[in-house]
């Protein structure tokens, strides 16, 4: 009577299933019941056709049962994670929808001067004794330089009134700015932030993004501050 050896049947089959499950592929059997049924049929076949002189020992059977438990456990875990991810995405969509029409600070150094006002922001990696703001023209020339004083770590907004260092009112239009910060004699990392208005919420590749019009799209996690 031919013997069915575990090394070439049950173990190999279950090892293949485990490999597919851990890799997160869709080739795994659709339900845990199907996996268990196939396993039980295979195990019964092994027991019926085992070599009487070399029967399956308890360790081999226990090992196979452990493997099937791992396969079904991973499948259940994947199902749970998919459910949690769906719930998270739904919650994220609700939160993001509340931002439509609001102004937000995101990475960038653009300034839009209109009606004598332009707004921007700064993100500091650490507290600073002094933050210096430089308003730049189209050619990169400094139109105005001012101290924003001491600031705590984190993001904050500022307003430029359109005045240059020469006391001239700059015309409406697009400008840019640069920031620097120090604490004592040590520089502090300072990131320039520009203001954008959320026009719409867009889902792209399973993730939600905010449409900021001319500034393009940004992820919700890229918003530094809501104004």
Protein backbone atom coordinates (compact mmCIF):
# COMPACT_ATOMS: atom_id res chain seq x y z
CA UNK A 1 0.00 0.00 0.00
CA UNK A 2 1.40 3.35 -1.02
CA UNK A 3 1.97 5.74 1.86
CA UNK A 4 1.16 9.43 1.72
CA UNK A 5 4.11 11.20 3.31
CA UNK A 6 3.51 14.52 5.12
CA UNK A 7 6.65 16.05 3.66
CA UNK A 8 5.25 15.88 0.15
CA UNK A 9 1.56 16.50 0.81
CA UNK A 10 0.08 18.09 3.91
CA UNK A 11 3.14 20.02 4.99
CA UNK A 12 3.89 21.30 1.51
CA UNK A 13 0.27 22.29 0.91
CA UNK A 14 -0.04 24.12 4.21
CA UNK A 15 3.37 25.76 3.82
CA UNK A 16 2.19 27.08 0.46
CA UNK A 17 -0.97 28.47 2.02
CA UNK A 18 1.01 30.12 4.82
CA UNK A 19 3.39 31.72 2.33
CA UNK A 20 0.47 33.15 0.33
CA UNK A 21 -1.30 34.42 3.44
CA UNK A 22 1.76 36.15 4.82
CA UNK A 23 2.41 37.79 1.46
CA UNK A 24 -1.11 39.23 1.51
CA UNK A 25 -2.07 37.79 -1.85
CA UNK A 26 -5.57 36.99 -3.02
CA UNK A 27 -4.62 33.43 -3.98
CA UNK A 28 -5.52 32.12 -0.51
CA UNK A 29 -8.69 30.02 -0.34
CA UNK A 30 -11.69 32.28 -0.12
CA UNK A 31 -12.95 31.22 3.33
CA UNK A 32 -11.56 29.60 6.45
CA UNK A 33 -14.12 26.77 6.11
CA UNK A 34 -12.68 25.79 2.74
CA UNK A 35 -9.17 25.78 4.15
CA UNK A 36 -10.22 23.64 7.10
CA UNK A 37 -12.18 21.19 4.90
CA UNK A 38 -9.22 20.70 2.58
CA UNK A 39 -6.92 20.24 5.54
CA UNK A 40 -9.17 17.64 7.20
CA UNK A 41 -9.56 15.66 3.96
CA UNK A 42 -5.82 15.69 3.43
CA UNK A 43 -5.12 14.64 7.02
CA UNK A 44 -7.64 11.76 6.87
CA UNK A 45 -6.04 10.59 3.61
CA UNK A 46 -2.64 10.66 5.24
CA UNK A 47 -3.87 8.63 8.21
CA UNK A 48 -5.57 6.05 5.98
CA UNK A 49 -2.56 5.61 3.74
CA UNK A 50 0.25 5.91 6.24
CA UNK A 51 2.94 3.28 6.33
CA UNK A 52 2.16 0.95 9.25
CA UNK A 53 5.89 0.56 9.83
CA UNK A 54 6.39 4.33 9.90
CA UNK A 55 3.12 5.93 11.09
CA UNK A 56 2.59 9.63 11.60
CA UNK A 57 3.75 10.64 15.04
CA UNK A 58 1.98 13.09 17.33
CA UNK A 59 4.52 15.82 16.56
CA UNK A 60 3.74 15.66 12.82
CA UNK A 61 -0.01 15.86 13.36
CA UNK A 62 0.37 18.68 15.91
CA UNK A 63 2.60 20.57 13.47
CA UNK A 64 0.00 20.38 10.71
CA UNK A 65 -2.83 21.45 13.03
CA UNK A 66 -0.68 24.39 14.11
CA UNK A 67 -0.15 25.36 10.48
CA UNK A 68 -3.86 25.32 9.65
CA UNK A 69 -4.52 27.46 12.72
CA UNK A 70 -1.93 29.95 11.46
CA UNK A 71 -3.54 30.10 8.01
CA UNK A 72 -7.07 30.67 9.30
CA UNK A 73 -5.79 33.10 11.92
CA UNK A 74 -4.06 35.23 9.30
CA UNK A 75 -7.20 35.23 7.14
CA UNK A 76 -9.33 36.42 10.06
CA UNK A 77 -6.73 39.05 10.92
CA UNK A 78 -6.74 40.34 7.33
CA UNK A 79 -10.55 40.58 7.39
CA UNK A 80 -10.45 42.51 10.65
CA UNK A 81 -7.78 44.88 9.34
CA UNK A 82 -9.78 45.55 6.17
CA UNK A 83 -12.82 46.40 8.28
CA UNK A 84 -10.80 48.75 10.50
CA UNK A 85 -9.22 50.40 7.46
CA UNK A 86 -12.63 50.97 5.90
CA UNK A 87 -13.91 52.53 9.12
CA UNK A 88 -10.82 54.75 9.34
CA UNK A 89 -11.22 55.93 5.73
CA UNK A 90 -14.89 56.73 6.31
CA UNK A 91 -14.02 58.77 9.41
CA UNK A 92 -11.23 60.53 7.54
CA UNK A 93 -13.64 61.47 4.75
CA UNK A 94 -16.09 63.01 7.23
CA UNK A 95 -13.33 65.05 8.87
CA UNK A 96 -11.89 66.16 5.53
CA UNK A 97 -15.31 67.21 4.20
CA UNK A 98 -15.58 69.67 7.10
CA UNK A 99 -12.50 71.48 5.72
CA UNK A 100 -14.15 72.50 2.44
CA UNK A 101 -14.17 76.28 2.22
CA UNK A 102 -11.59 76.70 4.99
CA UNK A 103 -8.05 78.04 4.74
CA UNK A 104 -5.18 75.73 5.67
CA UNK A 105 -1.41 76.03 6.01
CA UNK A 106 0.64 73.60 3.92
CA UNK A 107 4.30 73.45 2.89
CA UNK A 108 5.24 76.18 0.42
CA UNK A 109 6.64 79.70 0.22
CA UNK A 110 4.04 81.46 -1.94
CA UNK A 111 2.28 84.69 -0.94
CA UNK A 112 -0.74 86.21 -2.63
CA UNK A 113 -1.14 89.95 -1.97
CA UNK A 114 -4.70 91.20 -2.38
CA UNK A 115 -6.39 94.25 -0.84
CA UNK A 116 -3.18 95.12 0.97
CA UNK A 117 -2.98 91.77 2.82
CA UNK A 118 -0.97 88.58 2.30
CA UNK A 119 -0.91 85.65 4.70
CA UNK A 120 1.63 82.92 5.23
CA UNK A 121 2.95 80.67 7.96
CA UNK A 122 6.02 79.14 9.56
CA UNK A 123 6.66 75.78 11.17
CA UNK A 124 9.48 75.63 13.74
CA UNK A 125 11.12 72.37 14.76
CA UNK A 126 12.04 73.87 18.16
CA UNK A 127 11.46 77.09 20.15
CA UNK A 128 13.29 80.12 18.71
CA UNK A 129 14.45 83.38 20.27
CA UNK A 130 13.88 85.20 17.01
CA UNK A 131 12.24 84.42 13.66
CA UNK A 132 13.14 86.58 10.66
CA UNK A 133 10.77 86.95 7.70
CA UNK A 134 11.92 88.13 4.27
CA UNK A 135 9.37 89.05 1.57
CA UNK A 136 10.76 88.39 -1.90
CA UNK A 137 9.89 89.91 -5.25
CA UNK A 138 9.65 88.18 -8.62
CA UNK A 139 13.43 88.37 -9.09
CA UNK A 140 14.16 87.07 -5.60
CA UNK A 141 15.03 90.54 -4.32
CA UNK A 142 14.12 91.30 -0.71
CA UNK A 143 11.21 93.75 -0.57
CA UNK A 144 10.82 93.70 3.18
CA UNK A 145 12.57 92.08 6.10
CA UNK A 146 11.06 91.95 9.58
CA UNK A 147 11.47 90.18 12.90
CA UNK A 148 8.58 88.06 14.10
CA UNK A 149 10.12 87.79 17.57
CA UNK A 150 10.37 84.73 19.80
CA UNK A 151 8.14 81.78 18.95
CA UNK A 152 7.38 78.34 20.37
CA UNK A 153 7.91 75.15 18.41
CA UNK A 154 5.17 74.33 15.94
CA UNK A 155 3.29 76.29 13.29
CA UNK A 156 1.95 79.83 13.33
CA UNK A 157 0.56 82.28 10.79
CA UNK A 158 1.68 85.79 9.91
CA UNK A 159 0.29 88.71 7.87
CA UNK A 160 2.17 91.00 5.48
CA UNK A 161 0.60 94.41 4.90
CA UNK A 162 2.19 94.85 1.47
CA UNK A 163 4.63 97.53 2.60
CA UNK A 164 8.25 97.39 1.46
CA UNK A 165 11.28 98.49 3.47
CA UNK A 166 11.30 101.64 1.35
CA UNK A 167 7.79 102.58 2.54
CA UNK A 168 6.22 101.80 -0.82
CA UNK A 169 3.03 99.74 -1.13
CA UNK A 170 3.67 96.67 -3.27
CA UNK A 171 1.15 96.06 -6.07
CA UNK A 172 -1.28 93.12 -5.78
CA UNK A 173 0.07 89.86 -7.10
CA UNK A 174 2.10 86.80 -6.30
CA UNK A 175 5.18 86.96 -4.08
CA UNK A 176 7.28 84.54 -2.08
CA UNK A 177 9.02 84.60 1.27
CA UNK A 178 11.86 83.02 3.23
CA UNK A 179 12.19 82.44 6.96
CA UNK A 180 15.07 81.81 9.32
CA UNK A 181 15.19 81.27 13.06
CA UNK A 182 17.78 81.11 15.83
CA UNK A 183 17.93 80.09 19.46
CA UNK A 184 20.91 81.73 21.07
CA UNK A 185 23.65 81.27 18.51
CA UNK A 186 22.19 78.07 17.09
CA UNK A 187 19.95 77.99 14.00
CA UNK A 188 16.50 76.45 14.30
CA UNK A 189 14.91 74.60 11.39
CA UNK A 190 12.09 76.79 9.98
CA UNK A 191 9.73 75.59 7.24
CA UNK A 192 7.80 78.06 5.09
CA UNK A 193 4.05 77.47 4.92
CA UNK A 194 1.61 78.90 2.38
CA UNK A 195 -2.12 79.34 2.71
CA UNK A 196 -4.58 77.56 0.49
CA UNK A 197 -8.37 77.31 0.44
CA UNK A 198 -9.91 73.84 0.34
CA UNK A 199 -12.14 73.71 -2.73
CA UNK A 200 -13.01 70.02 -2.77
CA UNK A 201 -12.30 66.60 -1.34
CA UNK A 202 -10.90 64.10 -3.87
CA UNK A 203 -10.36 60.36 -3.44
CA UNK A 204 -7.27 59.14 -5.25
CA UNK A 205 -5.88 55.58 -5.02
CA UNK A 206 -7.92 54.83 -1.92
CA UNK A 207 -6.78 57.95 -0.04
CA UNK A 208 -8.49 61.30 0.34
CA UNK A 209 -6.79 64.49 -0.80
CA UNK A 210 -7.66 68.16 -0.45
CA UNK A 211 -7.97 70.20 -3.64
CA UNK A 212 -6.40 73.62 -3.00
CA UNK A 213 -7.05 75.06 -6.43
CA UNK A 214 -3.89 76.63 -7.84
CA UNK A 215 -1.78 75.00 -5.14
CA UNK A 216 -2.78 71.54 -6.32
CA UNK A 217 -3.76 68.61 -4.12
CA UNK A 218 -2.32 67.68 -0.75
CA UNK A 219 -2.90 64.83 1.66
CA UNK A 220 -4.83 65.56 4.84
CA UNK A 221 -1.73 64.70 6.87
CA UNK A 222 0.14 67.54 5.12
CA UNK A 223 -2.07 70.22 6.66
CA UNK A 224 -0.06 72.03 9.34
CA UNK A 225 -2.81 74.30 10.63
CA UNK A 226 -6.46 75.15 9.93
CA UNK A 227 -7.18 78.88 9.96
